[in-house]
């Protein structure tokens, strides 16, 4: 069973910021759940511009037990 405290979700509107955060968490030992990766298009109601929300779950493996 996975420890809920070892799971994080990265959500960013800016793709560059999203990827920087991903690299940082992976450097700390988190593993991306590739099946949870989503890009959700949204329309800014004020400008009509389409923007995209990038999101993914990452988990940190539990230490191996002897």
C-alpha atoms as a PDB file:
ATOM      1  CA  UNK A   1       0.000   0.000   0.000  1.00  0.00           C
ATOM      2  CA  UNK A   2       1.305   3.432  -0.965  1.00  0.00           C
ATOM      3  CA  UNK A   3       1.835   6.047   1.745  1.00  0.00           C
ATOM      4  CA  UNK A   4      -0.394   9.024   0.786  1.00  0.00           C
ATOM      5  CA  UNK A   5       2.207  11.450   2.107  1.00  0.00           C
ATOM      6  CA  UNK A   6       4.660  10.211  -0.532  1.00  0.00           C
ATOM      7  CA  UNK A   7       2.388  11.258  -3.428  1.00  0.00           C
ATOM      8  CA  UNK A   8       2.409  14.784  -4.857  1.00  0.00           C
ATOM      9  CA  UNK A   9       0.612  16.423  -7.757  1.00  0.00           C
ATOM     10  CA  UNK A  10       2.302  19.018  -9.943  1.00  0.00           C
ATOM     11  CA  UNK A  11      -0.124  21.427 -11.663  1.00  0.00           C
ATOM     12  CA  UNK A  12       1.111  24.377 -13.698  1.00  0.00           C
ATOM     13  CA  UNK A  13      -0.212  26.634 -16.440  1.00  0.00           C
ATOM     14  CA  UNK A  14       3.275  27.382 -17.757  1.00  0.00           C
ATOM     15  CA  UNK A  15       4.894  24.408 -19.528  1.00  0.00           C
ATOM     16  CA  UNK A  16       8.467  25.509 -18.724  1.00  0.00           C
ATOM     17  CA  UNK A  17       7.651  25.886 -15.033  1.00  0.00           C
ATOM     18  CA  UNK A  18       5.904  22.497 -15.066  1.00  0.00           C
ATOM     19  CA  UNK A  19       8.964  20.759 -16.524  1.00  0.00           C
ATOM     20  CA  UNK A  20      11.357  22.537 -14.126  1.00  0.00           C
ATOM     21  CA  UNK A  21       9.293  21.310 -11.166  1.00  0.00           C
ATOM     22  CA  UNK A  22       9.187  17.792 -12.603  1.00  0.00           C
ATOM     23  CA  UNK A  23      12.976  17.698 -12.965  1.00  0.00           C
ATOM     24  CA  UNK A  24      13.386  18.960  -9.398  1.00  0.00           C
ATOM     25  CA  UNK A  25      11.115  16.315  -7.912  1.00  0.00           C
ATOM     26  CA  UNK A  26      12.687  13.548 -10.008  1.00  0.00           C
ATOM     27  CA  UNK A  27      16.108  14.660  -8.740  1.00  0.00           C
ATOM     28  CA  UNK A  28      14.740  14.164  -5.193  1.00  0.00           C
ATOM     29  CA  UNK A  29      13.803  10.560  -6.021  1.00  0.00           C
ATOM     30  CA  UNK A  30      10.152  10.965  -7.022  1.00  0.00           C
ATOM     31  CA  UNK A  31       8.877   8.868  -9.906  1.00  0.00           C
ATOM     32  CA  UNK A  32       6.282  10.256 -12.315  1.00  0.00           C
ATOM     33  CA  UNK A  33       3.115   8.255 -12.854  1.00  0.00           C
ATOM     34  CA  UNK A  34       3.098   8.677 -16.632  1.00  0.00           C
ATOM     35  CA  UNK A  35      -0.499   7.422 -16.865  1.00  0.00           C
ATOM     36  CA  UNK A  36      -1.657  10.408 -14.776  1.00  0.00           C
ATOM     37  CA  UNK A  37      -0.178  13.051 -17.125  1.00  0.00           C
ATOM     38  CA  UNK A  38      -2.844  15.412 -18.452  1.00  0.00           C
ATOM     39  CA  UNK A  39      -2.975  18.622 -20.440  1.00  0.00           C
ATOM     40  CA  UNK A  40      -6.327  20.324 -19.972  1.00  0.00           C
ATOM     41  CA  UNK A  41      -7.296  23.216 -22.264  1.00  0.00           C
ATOM     42  CA  UNK A  42      -9.103  26.112 -20.621  1.00  0.00           C
ATOM     43  CA  UNK A  43     -10.432  29.372 -22.030  1.00  0.00           C
ATOM     44  CA  UNK A  44      -9.576  32.575 -20.212  1.00  0.00           C
ATOM     45  CA  UNK A  45     -13.030  34.202 -19.849  1.00  0.00           C
ATOM     46  CA  UNK A  46     -11.565  37.708 -19.981  1.00  0.00           C
ATOM     47  CA  UNK A  47      -9.430  37.329 -23.123  1.00  0.00           C
ATOM     48  CA  UNK A  48     -10.851  34.280 -24.887  1.00  0.00           C
ATOM     49  CA  UNK A  49      -7.290  32.934 -25.051  1.00  0.00           C
ATOM     50  CA  UNK A  50      -6.871  29.167 -24.746  1.00  0.00           C
ATOM     51  CA  UNK A  51      -4.417  28.163 -22.023  1.00  0.00           C
ATOM     52  CA  UNK A  52      -3.344  24.687 -20.930  1.00  0.00           C
ATOM     53  CA  UNK A  53      -3.062  23.234 -17.443  1.00  0.00           C
ATOM     54  CA  UNK A  54      -0.347  20.568 -17.178  1.00  0.00           C
ATOM     55  CA  UNK A  55      -0.678  18.061 -14.332  1.00  0.00           C
ATOM     56  CA  UNK A  56       0.908  14.797 -13.201  1.00  0.00           C
ATOM     57  CA  UNK A  57       1.216  12.685 -10.047  1.00  0.00           C
ATOM     58  CA  UNK A  58       4.590  11.712  -8.654  1.00  0.00           C
ATOM     59  CA  UNK A  59       5.351   9.263  -5.874  1.00  0.00           C
ATOM     60  CA  UNK A  60       8.402   8.538  -3.789  1.00  0.00           C
ATOM     61  CA  UNK A  61       9.150   4.849  -3.427  1.00  0.00           C
ATOM     62  CA  UNK A  62       9.095   3.473   0.081  1.00  0.00           C
ATOM     63  CA  UNK A  63      12.468   2.416   1.425  1.00  0.00           C
ATOM     64  CA  UNK A  64      13.100  -1.295   0.939  1.00  0.00           C
ATOM     65  CA  UNK A  65      12.562  -3.402   4.022  1.00  0.00           C
ATOM     66  CA  UNK A  66      14.759  -6.362   4.835  1.00  0.00           C
END
